Amino acid sequence: MSDADPPTWPSDIEIARAATPAPIATIAEKLGLEPDDIEPYGRDKAKITRSAVARLATQRSQTGKLVLVTAINPTKAGEGKTTTTVGLGDGLNRIGTRTTICLREPSLGPCFGMKGGAAGGGKAQVIPMEDINLHFTGDFHAIGLAHNLLAAAIDNHIHQGNSLGIDPRRITWKRTIDLNERALRDIVIGLGGVGNAMPRETGFEITAASEVMAIFCLAETLDDLRTRLGAIVIGQTYDRRSVVASEIGVQGAMVALLRDAFSPNLVQTLENNPALVHGGPFGNIAHGCNSIIATRVALGLSDVVVTEAGFGADLGAEKFMNIKCRKAGFEPDAVVIVATVRALKLQGGASTKELSERDDKALAKGIAHLAKHVETIREFGVPLCVGLNVFVGDAEEELAIVDAAAEELGVRVVRSTHWEHGGEGAEDLAREVKRLLDEEEPQFRLLYEDDVPLLEKVRRIAQKVYGAEDIVADTKLRARFRRLEREGYGRLPICMAKTQYSLSTDPDLKGRPRHHHVPLRDVEVRAGAGFVLVLTGDIMTMPGLPRVPAAEQIDIDADGEIIGLF
């Protein structure tokens, strides 16, 4: 979507509402699913049943080809990563390649905040967009309830005698809500006297950053889900022993709350092609990928699966490779890096007010930013191309500059107009992706092995992905890394929490920064999810609302239809 689009162009929600969705049973049939393999949620969305998932999960080999769509670092101009994912999926289907797209579920935080929804845009959307962007099938609510059930059980355990000897000062398990709410970052609970819980400091994190969300997306069976939930480290005892959730005893009840949500959601694109939308961790403060089971189901039912990972290649793509692929055994076959001329100029230092003016110098600096993301994907040995998401009004001269620069980088740039023309506008991109799949041989490799020390894993990400000189961590924090290794967590991969707006940890540092350092602020083990979370800079796990939140534009009209979503 572009702020240069003609003012008469219909909004995303108007385009979505004008579409004619096929019955969800028809979409399931396209995937080769039987009527009993789905549980319809109305006419246009469904859950794939547990029995169908179990049957498909036995097909452990990856029969379909896996394509990841990532992007440069996001800017106010918009890059259109999810839109490109949808458009590419439609384009591949148009050229005769049986394709399913796999997306994350949108969080209500960005929907009501600044970013807006995450169902694509223009003529490259998944529908029903209102449902997908709001409550959908209730998965986020189930995840939040499961998370908060554990929080309630911890405080109840302490109130009822605290037989485990949990130190209230060292409880790390917070509560969660699927909204941007800065006032809940740091709170005090348990006030009101001895009849209430013990007073202590705690806080909230957004549901998309919850460890339960990460576990939900990385678990492969309900038994695996239960085991992972039980492994959550919730805090420490007075003698500094780590306490895990299984000692609290509610992991079974948490699974019960998550049982139905754990089944992947089936919807469709505007062009009536299948889409699995399941799970929704953020890419800047979590691992940023849809569920393993949704991706695995799609791979067993399709020739090609197109998925996306949160924010730029420095965040979502790195975590897709080093966390999701490591855990699931996936080996991606191709990567598309999404960029726009406008976003490249912003990365090169142009102002938002000057984007309609030609600025070759800013564009050149922005192309250097793109080049770093190309280098990052090559670190993983996966064939790639650049999908240039063409905005209405883009100047041919500037598009040609990107084309020429790509030749020097040794990567193909393919223009795509899927926002305006849907799958038809993405056919050239689809053909290039198909060529990559047919002609290029991936040499997939991880950035680090399991036995590399934790701090060295962090350093490799900082140097090879962010282009940093080194990491910065004080003595106390380094000691915490060593303690995690002594406790048996040293073989886990790293999940970096970093600003999405820059390759560095400074959101205002655009382009391709060099000679910068990555300051490490904190480290937490997410034992259930199976990774170590490292916080950098001033990144927080509970965002706040902007000065003018998107929620102010959302309403219903006289007919009860939702308006204002984008």
Protein backbone atom coordinates (compact mmCIF):
# COMPACT_ATOMS: atom_id res chain seq x y z
CA MET A 1 0.00 0.00 0.00
CA SER A 2 1.34 3.45 -0.83
CA ASP A 3 0.61 7.01 0.19
CA ALA A 4 1.08 7.85 -3.50
CA ASP A 5 -1.94 5.82 -4.56
CA PRO A 6 -4.77 7.73 -6.24
CA PRO A 7 -7.21 9.06 -3.62
CA THR A 8 -10.07 7.31 -5.41
CA TRP A 9 -8.48 3.89 -4.96
CA PRO A 10 -10.60 1.79 -2.58
CA SER A 11 -9.22 0.94 0.84
CA ASP A 12 -7.94 -2.52 1.71
CA ILE A 13 -11.08 -3.34 3.65
CA GLU A 14 -13.28 -2.18 0.74
CA ILE A 15 -11.32 -4.35 -1.69
CA ALA A 16 -11.59 -7.32 0.64
CA ARG A 17 -15.30 -6.81 1.17
CA ALA A 18 -15.93 -6.67 -2.58
CA ALA A 19 -14.32 -10.08 -3.10
CA THR A 20 -16.34 -13.25 -3.61
CA PRO A 21 -14.94 -15.87 -1.23
CA ALA A 22 -15.27 -19.52 -2.13
CA PRO A 23 -16.81 -21.87 0.43
CA ILE A 24 -14.05 -22.99 2.78
CA ALA A 25 -14.76 -26.61 1.84
CA THR A 26 -13.79 -25.73 -1.74
CA ILE A 27 -10.48 -24.27 -0.54
CA ALA A 28 -9.85 -27.40 1.52
CA GLU A 29 -10.57 -29.54 -1.54
CA LYS A 30 -7.90 -27.61 -3.46
CA LEU A 31 -5.42 -28.81 -0.82
CA GLY A 32 -6.61 -32.40 -1.11
CA LEU A 33 -8.37 -32.31 2.27
CA GLU A 34 -11.58 -34.25 2.83
CA PRO A 35 -14.71 -32.66 4.36
CA ASP A 36 -13.99 -34.42 7.68
CA ASP A 37 -10.48 -32.91 7.74
CA ILE A 38 -11.76 -29.43 8.57
CA GLU A 39 -13.90 -27.82 11.27
CA PRO A 40 -15.59 -24.78 9.67
CA TYR A 41 -15.74 -21.49 11.55
CA GLY A 42 -18.58 -20.03 9.52
CA ARG A 43 -18.48 -20.06 5.73
CA ASP A 44 -15.01 -18.71 5.00
CA LYS A 45 -12.57 -20.00 7.61
CA ALA A 46 -11.86 -23.35 9.25
CA LYS A 47 -9.54 -25.29 11.51
CA ILE A 48 -7.73 -28.32 10.12
CA THR A 49 -8.68 -31.15 12.47
CA ARG A 50 -6.25 -32.74 14.90
CA SER A 51 -6.66 -36.11 13.18
CA ALA A 52 -5.77 -34.59 9.80
CA VAL A 53 -2.76 -32.81 11.27
CA ALA A 54 -1.61 -36.05 12.92
CA ARG A 55 -1.98 -37.94 9.65
CA LEU A 56 -0.05 -35.32 7.72
CA ALA A 57 2.59 -35.06 10.45
CA THR A 58 3.58 -38.66 9.77
CA GLN A 59 4.76 -37.46 6.37
CA ARG A 60 7.95 -36.17 7.94
CA SER A 61 9.76 -35.72 4.64
CA GLN A 62 9.50 -32.27 3.08
CA THR A 63 7.60 -32.98 -0.15
CA GLY A 64 6.96 -29.37 -1.11
CA LYS A 65 9.46 -26.59 -1.79
CA LEU A 66 9.78 -23.92 0.91
CA VAL A 67 10.12 -20.25 -0.04
CA LEU A 68 10.75 -17.52 2.54
CA VAL A 69 9.72 -13.92 1.90
CA THR A 70 11.71 -11.39 3.91
CA ALA A 71 12.53 -7.71 3.43
CA ILE A 72 14.80 -4.77 4.09
CA ASN A 73 14.32 -3.01 7.41
CA PRO A 74 10.85 -1.43 7.60
CA THR A 75 10.27 2.27 7.02
CA LYS A 76 7.27 4.59 7.02
CA ALA A 77 7.10 4.17 3.23
CA GLY A 78 6.07 0.54 3.62
CA GLU A 79 7.75 -2.47 2.02
CA GLY A 80 4.80 -4.83 1.60
CA LYS A 81 6.33 -8.11 2.78
CA THR A 82 3.05 -9.81 3.66
CA THR A 83 1.41 -8.31 0.57
CA THR A 84 4.24 -9.73 -1.55
CA THR A 85 3.87 -13.13 0.12
CA VAL A 86 0.19 -13.21 -0.82
CA GLY A 87 0.81 -11.84 -4.33
CA LEU A 88 3.61 -14.33 -4.95
CA GLY A 89 1.41 -17.21 -3.82
CA ASP A 90 -1.35 -16.09 -6.17
CA GLY A 91 1.19 -15.57 -8.98
CA LEU A 92 2.63 -19.07 -8.56
CA ASN A 93 -0.86 -20.56 -8.68
CA ARG A 94 -1.57 -18.54 -11.84
CA ILE A 95 1.44 -20.07 -13.63
CA GLY A 96 0.34 -23.57 -12.67
CA THR A 97 2.35 -24.26 -9.49
CA ARG A 98 0.16 -25.61 -6.69
CA THR A 99 1.03 -23.18 -3.90
CA THR A 100 -0.09 -22.52 -0.33
CA ILE A 101 0.91 -19.47 1.69
CA CYS A 102 1.64 -19.63 5.42
CA LEU A 103 1.30 -16.44 7.48
CA ARG A 104 1.24 -15.37 11.09
CA GLU A 105 -1.92 -14.16 12.79
CA PRO A 106 -1.95 -10.39 13.39
CA SER A 107 -1.66 -9.06 16.93
CA LEU A 108 -4.27 -6.59 18.10
CA GLY A 109 -1.47 -4.38 19.43
CA PRO A 110 -0.28 -3.17 15.99
CA CYS A 111 -3.85 -3.24 14.61
CA PHE A 112 -4.90 -0.67 17.19
CA GLY A 113 -1.49 1.00 17.31
CA MET A 114 0.55 2.23 14.37
CA LYS A 115 1.34 -0.60 11.95
CA GLY A 116 -2.20 -1.65 11.12
CA GLY A 117 -3.28 -5.16 10.18
CA ALA A 118 -1.25 -7.97 8.67
CA ALA A 119 -3.49 -9.60 6.08
CA GLY A 120 -1.74 -8.10 3.04
CA GLY A 121 -3.04 -5.15 1.08
CA GLY A 122 -4.61 -3.96 -2.15
CA LYS A 123 -5.42 -6.91 -4.41
CA ALA A 124 -3.02 -9.21 -2.57
CA GLN A 125 -4.84 -10.03 0.65
CA VAL A 126 -6.06 -12.95 2.70
CA ILE A 127 -9.72 -12.89 3.67
CA PRO A 128 -11.85 -12.43 5.72
CA MET A 129 -9.49 -9.58 6.61
CA GLU A 130 -11.68 -8.13 9.37
CA ASP A 131 -11.77 -11.46 11.20
CA ILE A 132 -8.09 -12.21 10.63
CA ASN A 133 -7.03 -8.78 11.91
CA LEU A 134 -9.31 -8.86 14.96
CA HIS A 135 -10.44 -11.92 16.94
CA PHE A 136 -10.14 -14.50 14.10
CA THR A 137 -10.65 -17.99 15.62
CA GLY A 138 -9.68 -16.97 19.15
CA ASP A 139 -6.13 -18.37 19.11
CA PHE A 140 -4.53 -15.29 20.68
CA HIS A 141 -7.09 -15.27 23.45
CA ALA A 142 -6.38 -18.92 24.24
CA ILE A 143 -2.64 -18.23 24.32
CA GLY A 144 -3.15 -15.26 26.64
CA LEU A 145 -5.38 -17.26 28.97
CA ALA A 146 -2.90 -20.14 29.15
CA HIS A 147 -0.08 -17.71 29.93
CA ASN A 148 -2.08 -15.92 32.63
CA LEU A 149 -3.30 -19.19 34.15
CA LEU A 150 0.32 -20.02 34.95
CA ALA A 151 0.84 -16.53 36.40
CA ALA A 152 -2.23 -16.92 38.63
CA ALA A 153 -1.10 -20.39 39.75
CA ILE A 154 2.34 -19.07 40.74
CA ASP A 155 0.88 -16.36 42.99
CA ASN A 156 -1.62 -18.85 44.41
CA HIS A 157 1.19 -21.28 45.22
CA ILE A 158 2.99 -18.61 47.21
CA HIS A 159 -0.24 -17.55 48.96
CA GLN A 160 -1.01 -21.15 49.92
CA GLY A 161 2.27 -21.73 51.76
CA ASN A 162 4.98 -21.65 49.09
CA SER A 163 6.20 -25.22 49.55
CA LEU A 164 8.67 -24.76 46.69
CA GLY A 165 10.29 -21.80 48.41
CA ILE A 166 9.84 -19.48 45.42
CA ASP A 167 11.46 -16.08 45.97
CA PRO A 168 8.81 -13.47 45.01
CA ARG A 169 11.61 -11.07 44.09
CA ARG A 170 12.93 -13.49 41.48
CA ILE A 171 9.74 -14.48 39.67
CA THR A 172 10.38 -13.86 35.97
CA TRP A 173 6.97 -14.96 34.65
CA LYS A 174 4.90 -11.88 33.89
CA ARG A 175 1.32 -11.57 32.69
CA THR A 176 0.24 -10.86 29.14
CA ILE A 177 -2.32 -8.94 27.12
CA ASP A 178 -2.64 -8.56 23.35
CA LEU A 179 -2.56 -4.77 23.36
CA ASN A 180 0.09 -2.06 23.33
CA GLU A 181 -0.05 -0.77 26.92
CA ARG A 182 3.03 0.98 28.29
CA ALA A 183 1.33 1.56 31.67
CA LEU A 184 1.50 -2.20 32.32
CA ARG A 185 5.23 -2.62 31.72
CA ASP A 186 6.03 -2.35 35.43
CA ILE A 187 3.33 -2.77 38.07
CA VAL A 188 2.83 -3.86 41.70
CA ILE A 189 0.31 -6.60 42.49
CA GLY A 190 -1.03 -8.15 45.70
CA LEU A 191 -2.03 -4.95 47.50
CA GLY A 192 -4.99 -4.92 49.86
CA GLY A 193 -3.90 -6.99 52.83
CA VAL A 194 -3.07 -10.56 53.81
CA GLY A 195 -6.21 -11.94 52.17
CA ASN A 196 -4.75 -11.07 48.78
CA ALA A 197 -1.58 -12.31 47.11
CA MET A 198 1.84 -11.29 48.41
CA PRO A 199 2.72 -7.78 47.16
CA ARG A 200 5.47 -7.85 44.56
CA GLU A 201 6.69 -6.10 41.44
CA THR A 202 5.86 -7.61 38.08
CA GLY A 203 4.55 -6.45 34.71
CA PHE A 204 2.92 -7.39 31.43
CA GLU A 205 4.30 -8.28 28.02
CA ILE A 206 2.34 -8.32 24.80
CA THR A 207 0.94 -11.74 23.86
CA ALA A 208 3.00 -11.83 20.66
CA ALA A 209 6.14 -11.80 22.86
CA SER A 210 4.91 -14.46 25.29
CA GLU A 211 6.91 -17.65 25.65
CA VAL A 212 3.61 -19.51 25.36
CA MET A 213 3.22 -17.98 21.88
CA ALA A 214 6.72 -19.15 20.93
CA ILE A 215 6.03 -22.63 22.30
CA PHE A 216 2.72 -22.71 20.44
CA CYS A 217 4.55 -22.03 17.17
CA LEU A 218 7.47 -24.39 17.76
CA ALA A 219 5.66 -27.43 19.23
CA GLU A 220 4.67 -30.21 16.83
CA THR A 221 2.18 -32.28 18.87
CA LEU A 222 -0.01 -31.77 21.93
CA ASP A 223 2.38 -33.97 23.92
CA ASP A 224 5.29 -31.83 22.76
CA LEU A 225 3.27 -28.74 23.70
CA ARG A 226 2.69 -30.10 27.23
CA THR A 227 6.37 -30.95 27.70
CA ARG A 228 7.49 -27.53 26.50
CA LEU A 229 4.98 -25.70 28.72
CA GLY A 230 6.22 -27.69 31.70
CA ALA A 231 9.82 -26.67 30.94
CA ILE A 232 9.11 -22.92 31.24
CA VAL A 233 11.42 -21.34 33.83
CA ILE A 234 9.19 -19.14 36.00
CA GLY A 235 11.73 -17.87 38.53
CA GLN A 236 14.03 -18.98 41.32
CA THR A 237 13.82 -20.19 44.90
CA TYR A 238 15.44 -18.40 47.83
CA ASP A 239 18.51 -20.60 47.35
CA ARG A 240 18.68 -19.61 43.64
CA ARG A 241 17.39 -22.88 42.19
CA SER A 242 15.42 -22.41 38.97
CA VAL A 243 11.73 -23.35 39.17
CA VAL A 244 9.91 -24.70 36.13
CA ALA A 245 6.20 -24.63 35.35
CA SER A 246 5.74 -28.38 35.77
CA GLU A 247 6.42 -27.89 39.50
CA ILE A 248 3.42 -25.55 39.65
CA GLY A 249 1.34 -28.29 38.06
CA VAL A 250 -0.98 -26.51 35.61
CA GLN A 251 0.69 -27.40 32.30
CA GLY A 252 -2.10 -29.90 31.58
CA ALA A 253 -4.73 -27.22 32.03
CA MET A 254 -2.71 -24.90 29.78
CA VAL A 255 -2.75 -27.55 27.05
CA ALA A 256 -6.49 -27.92 27.50
CA LEU A 257 -6.92 -24.19 26.89
CA LEU A 258 -4.70 -24.40 23.81
CA ARG A 259 -6.07 -27.64 22.35
CA ASP A 260 -8.42 -26.17 19.74
CA ALA A 261 -6.19 -23.19 18.99
CA PHE A 262 -3.32 -25.56 18.21
CA SER A 263 -5.05 -26.68 15.00
CA PRO A 264 -3.97 -24.57 11.97
CA ASN A 265 -6.41 -22.05 10.49
CA LEU A 266 -7.41 -22.34 6.83
CA VAL A 267 -8.52 -19.24 4.91
CA GLN A 268 -8.06 -17.99 1.34
CA THR A 269 -6.60 -15.20 -0.74
CA LEU A 270 -8.70 -12.78 -2.77
CA GLU A 271 -8.07 -15.13 -5.70
CA ASN A 272 -9.43 -18.12 -3.75
CA ASN A 273 -6.09 -19.82 -3.15
CA PRO A 274 -5.40 -21.60 0.16
CA ALA A 275 -3.68 -19.85 3.05
CA LEU A 276 -2.78 -21.19 6.50
CA VAL A 277 -2.68 -18.41 9.10
CA HIS A 278 -1.48 -19.68 12.47
CA GLY A 279 0.48 -18.27 15.40
CA GLY A 280 1.80 -14.74 15.68
CA PRO A 281 5.12 -14.03 17.45
CA PHE A 282 6.68 -10.64 16.72
CA GLY A 283 9.91 -10.60 14.76
CA ASN A 284 11.68 -7.92 16.82
CA ILE A 285 11.06 -9.27 20.35
CA ALA A 286 10.27 -12.91 19.54
CA HIS A 287 11.16 -15.38 16.77
CA GLY A 288 8.69 -13.98 14.22
CA CYS A 289 7.49 -17.10 12.34
CA ASN A 290 4.18 -18.89 11.91
CA SER A 291 3.68 -22.33 13.47
CA ILE A 292 5.80 -25.31 12.51
CA ILE A 293 2.73 -27.52 12.23
CA ALA A 294 1.03 -25.15 9.75
CA THR A 295 4.17 -25.04 7.61
CA ARG A 296 4.60 -28.81 7.80
CA VAL A 297 0.96 -29.44 6.85
CA ALA A 298 1.28 -27.06 3.89
CA LEU A 299 4.51 -28.73 2.73
CA GLY A 300 2.73 -32.07 2.70
CA LEU A 301 -0.15 -30.75 0.62
CA SER A 302 1.48 -28.36 -1.86
CA ASP A 303 4.19 -28.18 -4.49
CA VAL A 304 5.39 -24.86 -3.08
CA VAL A 305 4.85 -23.16 0.29
CA VAL A 306 5.44 -19.42 0.54
CA THR A 307 5.88 -18.10 4.07
CA GLU A 308 7.09 -14.86 5.65
CA ALA A 309 9.04 -13.94 8.76
CA GLY A 310 8.76 -10.75 10.77
CA PHE A 311 10.40 -7.45 9.77
CA GLY A 312 13.74 -7.41 7.90
CA ALA A 313 16.16 -10.21 7.09
CA ASP A 314 18.25 -9.20 10.12
CA LEU A 315 15.39 -10.28 12.40
CA GLY A 316 12.74 -12.59 10.97
CA ALA A 317 14.85 -14.34 8.34
CA GLU A 318 17.75 -14.92 10.73
CA LYS A 319 15.37 -16.42 13.30
CA PHE A 320 13.54 -18.44 10.64
CA MET A 321 16.83 -20.06 9.72
CA ASN A 322 18.54 -20.38 13.09
CA ILE A 323 15.48 -21.21 15.22
CA LYS A 324 12.53 -22.50 13.18
CA CYS A 325 14.49 -24.45 10.56
CA ARG A 326 16.87 -25.77 13.23
CA LYS A 327 13.97 -27.03 15.36
CA ALA A 328 11.81 -28.42 12.55
CA GLY A 329 14.51 -29.70 10.24
CA PHE A 330 13.26 -27.52 7.38
CA GLU A 331 15.66 -26.58 4.58
CA PRO A 332 14.43 -23.52 2.66
CA ASP A 333 14.75 -23.69 -1.12
CA ALA A 334 14.59 -19.98 -2.01
CA VAL A 335 14.31 -16.53 -0.46
CA VAL A 336 12.69 -13.34 -1.77
CA ILE A 337 13.90 -10.05 -0.28
CA VAL A 338 11.22 -7.37 -0.64
CA ALA A 339 12.20 -3.75 -1.24
CA THR A 340 10.63 -0.60 -2.64
CA VAL A 341 12.27 2.44 -4.23
CA ARG A 342 10.69 4.70 -1.62
CA ALA A 343 11.90 2.60 1.31
CA LEU A 344 15.40 2.41 -0.15
CA LYS A 345 15.50 6.21 -0.39
CA LEU A 346 14.41 6.49 3.24
CA GLN A 347 17.17 4.07 4.23
CA GLY A 348 19.51 6.34 2.28
CA GLY A 349 18.58 9.43 4.27
CA ALA A 350 15.74 11.00 2.26
CA SER A 351 12.88 12.58 4.20
CA THR A 352 9.33 11.31 3.95
CA LYS A 353 8.26 14.64 2.43
CA GLU A 354 10.70 14.27 -0.46
CA LEU A 355 9.99 10.71 -1.56
CA SER A 356 8.22 11.79 -4.73
CA GLU A 357 11.36 13.64 -5.86
CA ARG A 358 14.26 11.89 -7.55
CA ASP A 359 17.20 11.40 -5.20
CA ASP A 360 19.90 9.19 -6.73
CA LYS A 361 22.29 9.73 -3.82
CA ALA A 362 19.80 8.57 -1.20
CA LEU A 363 18.80 5.65 -3.42
CA ALA A 364 22.42 4.55 -3.73
CA LYS A 365 22.85 4.56 0.06
CA GLY A 366 19.63 2.61 0.38
CA ILE A 367 20.87 0.03 -2.11
CA ALA A 368 23.89 -0.47 0.18
CA HIS A 369 21.36 -1.35 2.90
CA LEU A 370 19.73 -3.89 0.56
CA ALA A 371 23.16 -5.30 -0.27
CA LYS A 372 23.75 -6.18 3.40
CA HIS A 373 20.51 -8.18 3.50
CA VAL A 374 21.55 -9.99 0.32
CA GLU A 375 24.85 -10.88 2.02
CA THR A 376 22.95 -12.12 5.07
CA ILE A 377 20.83 -14.56 3.06
CA ARG A 378 23.94 -15.79 1.26
CA GLU A 379 25.42 -16.62 4.67
CA PHE A 380 22.73 -19.32 4.87
CA GLY A 381 23.45 -20.70 1.40
CA VAL A 382 19.92 -20.24 0.04
CA PRO A 383 19.23 -19.02 -3.55
CA LEU A 384 17.53 -15.62 -3.61
CA CYS A 385 16.10 -12.81 -5.65
CA VAL A 386 14.87 -9.30 -4.85
CA GLY A 387 11.17 -8.61 -5.25
CA LEU A 388 10.85 -4.92 -6.08
CA ASN A 389 7.37 -3.99 -4.90
CA VAL A 390 6.43 -1.26 -7.39
CA PHE A 391 4.32 1.58 -6.04
CA VAL A 392 1.96 3.60 -8.19
CA GLY A 393 3.96 6.61 -9.36
CA ASP A 394 7.44 5.07 -9.04
CA ALA A 395 9.81 6.71 -11.54
CA GLU A 396 11.19 4.44 -14.25
CA GLU A 397 14.61 6.09 -13.89
CA GLU A 398 14.85 5.10 -10.23
CA LEU A 399 13.57 1.58 -10.87
CA ALA A 400 16.32 1.24 -13.50
CA ILE A 401 18.96 2.32 -10.95
CA VAL A 402 17.91 -0.55 -8.68
CA ASP A 403 18.01 -2.96 -11.63
CA ALA A 404 21.55 -1.88 -12.52
CA ALA A 405 22.77 -2.07 -8.94
CA ALA A 406 21.39 -5.58 -8.62
CA GLU A 407 23.55 -6.74 -11.51
CA GLU A 408 26.62 -5.61 -9.59
CA LEU A 409 25.36 -7.54 -6.55
CA GLY A 410 24.85 -10.64 -8.66
CA VAL A 411 21.19 -10.94 -7.75
CA ARG A 412 18.11 -10.65 -9.94
CA VAL A 413 15.61 -7.90 -9.23
CA VAL A 414 12.06 -8.61 -10.38
CA ARG A 415 9.43 -5.88 -10.41
CA SER A 416 6.03 -6.81 -9.08
CA THR A 417 2.72 -4.93 -9.11
CA HIS A 418 0.65 -7.35 -7.02
CA TRP A 419 -0.80 -4.61 -4.80
CA GLU A 420 -2.45 -3.07 -7.85
CA HIS A 421 -2.99 -6.15 -10.03
CA GLY A 422 -3.03 -9.13 -7.67
CA GLY A 423 -1.51 -12.41 -8.80
CA GLU A 424 -1.27 -11.22 -12.39
CA GLY A 425 1.09 -8.46 -11.29
CA ALA A 426 3.30 -11.01 -9.52
CA GLU A 427 3.67 -13.48 -12.39
CA ASP A 428 7.18 -12.32 -13.32
CA LEU A 429 8.27 -12.70 -9.70
CA ALA A 430 6.61 -16.11 -9.57
CA ARG A 431 8.49 -17.24 -12.69
CA GLU A 432 11.81 -16.14 -11.19
CA VAL A 433 11.06 -17.98 -7.94
CA LYS A 434 10.10 -21.07 -9.95
CA ARG A 435 13.39 -20.78 -11.84
CA LEU A 436 15.28 -20.63 -8.55
CA LEU A 437 13.46 -23.72 -7.33
CA ASP A 438 14.08 -25.64 -10.55
CA GLU A 439 17.62 -24.56 -11.42
CA GLU A 440 19.42 -23.45 -8.25
CA GLU A 441 20.67 -25.95 -5.68
CA PRO A 442 20.43 -24.71 -2.06
CA GLN A 443 23.44 -25.27 0.20
CA PHE A 444 21.58 -24.52 3.41
CA ARG A 445 23.67 -24.01 6.50
CA LEU A 446 23.05 -22.54 9.94
CA LEU A 447 24.98 -19.54 11.20
CA TYR A 448 26.30 -21.48 14.20
CA GLU A 449 26.25 -24.99 15.62
CA ASP A 450 24.58 -25.98 18.88
CA ASP A 451 27.84 -26.40 20.80
CA VAL A 452 29.11 -22.86 20.13
CA PRO A 453 29.14 -20.83 23.42
CA LEU A 454 26.14 -18.54 23.89
CA LEU A 455 28.04 -15.27 23.71
CA GLU A 456 29.83 -16.42 20.57
CA LYS A 457 26.45 -17.20 18.98
CA VAL A 458 25.33 -13.64 19.80
CA ARG A 459 28.59 -12.26 18.38
CA ARG A 460 28.16 -14.14 15.11
CA ILE A 461 24.65 -12.75 14.65
CA ALA A 462 25.88 -9.24 15.44
CA GLN A 463 28.83 -9.42 13.06
CA LYS A 464 27.50 -11.50 10.17
CA VAL A 465 23.88 -10.27 10.16
CA TYR A 466 23.97 -6.76 11.63
CA GLY A 467 27.43 -5.90 10.25
CA ALA A 468 28.65 -4.88 13.71
CA GLU A 469 32.24 -4.84 14.91
CA ASP A 470 31.42 -6.58 18.16
CA ILE A 471 29.00 -6.94 21.06
CA VAL A 472 29.14 -5.09 24.37
CA ALA A 473 28.20 -6.79 27.63
CA ASP A 474 29.20 -5.92 31.19
CA THR A 475 30.79 -8.39 33.61
CA LYS A 476 27.53 -9.14 35.40
CA LEU A 477 25.70 -9.97 32.17
CA ARG A 478 28.56 -12.16 30.93
CA ALA A 479 28.33 -14.07 34.20
CA ARG A 480 24.64 -14.70 33.54
CA PHE A 481 25.48 -16.18 30.14
CA ARG A 482 27.98 -18.51 31.82
CA ARG A 483 25.41 -19.49 34.43
CA LEU A 484 22.90 -20.44 31.72
CA GLU A 485 25.55 -22.67 30.19
CA ARG A 486 26.23 -24.34 33.55
CA GLU A 487 22.50 -24.96 33.96
CA GLY A 488 22.39 -26.87 30.68
CA TYR A 489 21.03 -24.21 28.31
CA GLY A 490 24.24 -23.58 26.38
CA ARG A 491 23.20 -25.57 23.30
CA LEU A 492 20.08 -23.48 22.68
CA PRO A 493 19.87 -21.04 19.75
CA ILE A 494 19.69 -17.28 20.28
CA CYS A 495 16.60 -15.11 19.80
CA MET A 496 17.74 -11.49 19.53
CA ALA A 497 15.36 -8.73 20.62
CA LYS A 498 16.39 -5.71 18.57
CA THR A 499 14.83 -2.68 16.93
CA GLN A 500 13.34 -3.49 13.53
CA TYR A 501 14.13 -0.08 12.06
CA SER A 502 17.89 -0.41 11.68
CA LEU A 503 20.59 -3.00 11.14
CA SER A 504 22.06 -1.56 14.34
CA THR A 505 20.38 -1.18 17.75
CA ASP A 506 19.78 2.53 17.09
CA PRO A 507 16.44 2.92 15.28
CA ASP A 508 17.56 6.24 13.78
CA LEU A 509 20.70 4.81 12.19
CA LYS A 510 19.65 4.08 8.61
CA GLY A 511 21.41 2.62 5.58
CA ARG A 512 24.30 0.25 6.15
CA PRO A 513 26.00 1.26 9.40
CA ARG A 514 29.56 0.15 9.90
CA HIS A 515 31.93 0.02 12.88
CA HIS A 516 28.98 -0.06 15.29
CA HIS A 517 28.66 -2.18 18.42
CA VAL A 518 25.66 -4.10 19.74
CA PRO A 519 25.00 -3.36 23.43
CA LEU A 520 23.48 -6.32 25.26
CA ARG A 521 21.08 -5.32 28.00
CA ASP A 522 19.65 -8.57 29.37
CA VAL A 523 19.40 -12.29 28.78
CA GLU A 524 16.58 -14.70 29.64
CA VAL A 525 16.20 -18.40 29.03
CA ARG A 526 13.01 -19.47 27.26
CA ALA A 527 13.49 -23.14 28.03
CA GLY A 528 10.05 -24.22 26.86
CA ALA A 529 10.47 -22.50 23.52
CA GLY A 530 14.00 -23.80 23.34
CA PHE A 531 15.96 -20.60 22.86
CA VAL A 532 17.82 -17.92 24.82
CA LEU A 533 16.31 -14.43 24.51
CA VAL A 534 18.88 -11.63 24.34
CA LEU A 535 17.64 -8.05 24.71
CA THR A 536 19.62 -5.29 23.04
CA GLY A 537 19.49 -1.51 23.27
CA ASP A 538 16.24 -0.23 24.73
CA ILE A 539 13.96 -2.87 23.16
CA MET A 540 10.91 -3.73 25.29
CA THR A 541 8.52 -6.69 25.31
CA MET A 542 5.50 -4.40 25.83
CA PRO A 543 5.08 -1.70 23.17
CA GLY A 544 3.18 1.54 23.70
CA LEU A 545 0.57 3.27 21.57
CA PRO A 546 1.58 6.15 19.25
CA ARG A 547 0.29 9.70 19.65
CA VAL A 548 -2.56 8.98 17.22
CA PRO A 549 -3.34 5.25 17.43
CA ALA A 550 -5.02 3.43 14.56
CA ALA A 551 -7.80 2.51 17.00
CA GLU A 552 -9.17 6.04 16.62
CA GLN A 553 -10.07 5.25 13.00
CA ILE A 554 -11.79 1.89 13.62
CA ASP A 555 -15.58 1.79 14.01
CA ILE A 556 -18.68 0.15 12.61
CA ASP A 557 -21.04 1.74 10.11
CA ALA A 558 -24.85 1.96 10.17
CA ASP A 559 -25.07 -1.60 8.82
CA GLY A 560 -22.80 -2.97 11.53
CA GLU A 561 -19.85 -3.43 9.15
CA ILE A 562 -16.35 -2.76 10.47
CA ILE A 563 -14.64 0.27 8.96
CA GLY A 564 -11.22 1.89 9.37
CA LEU A 565 -9.06 -1.25 9.30
CA PHE A 566 -6.02 -1.10 7.02
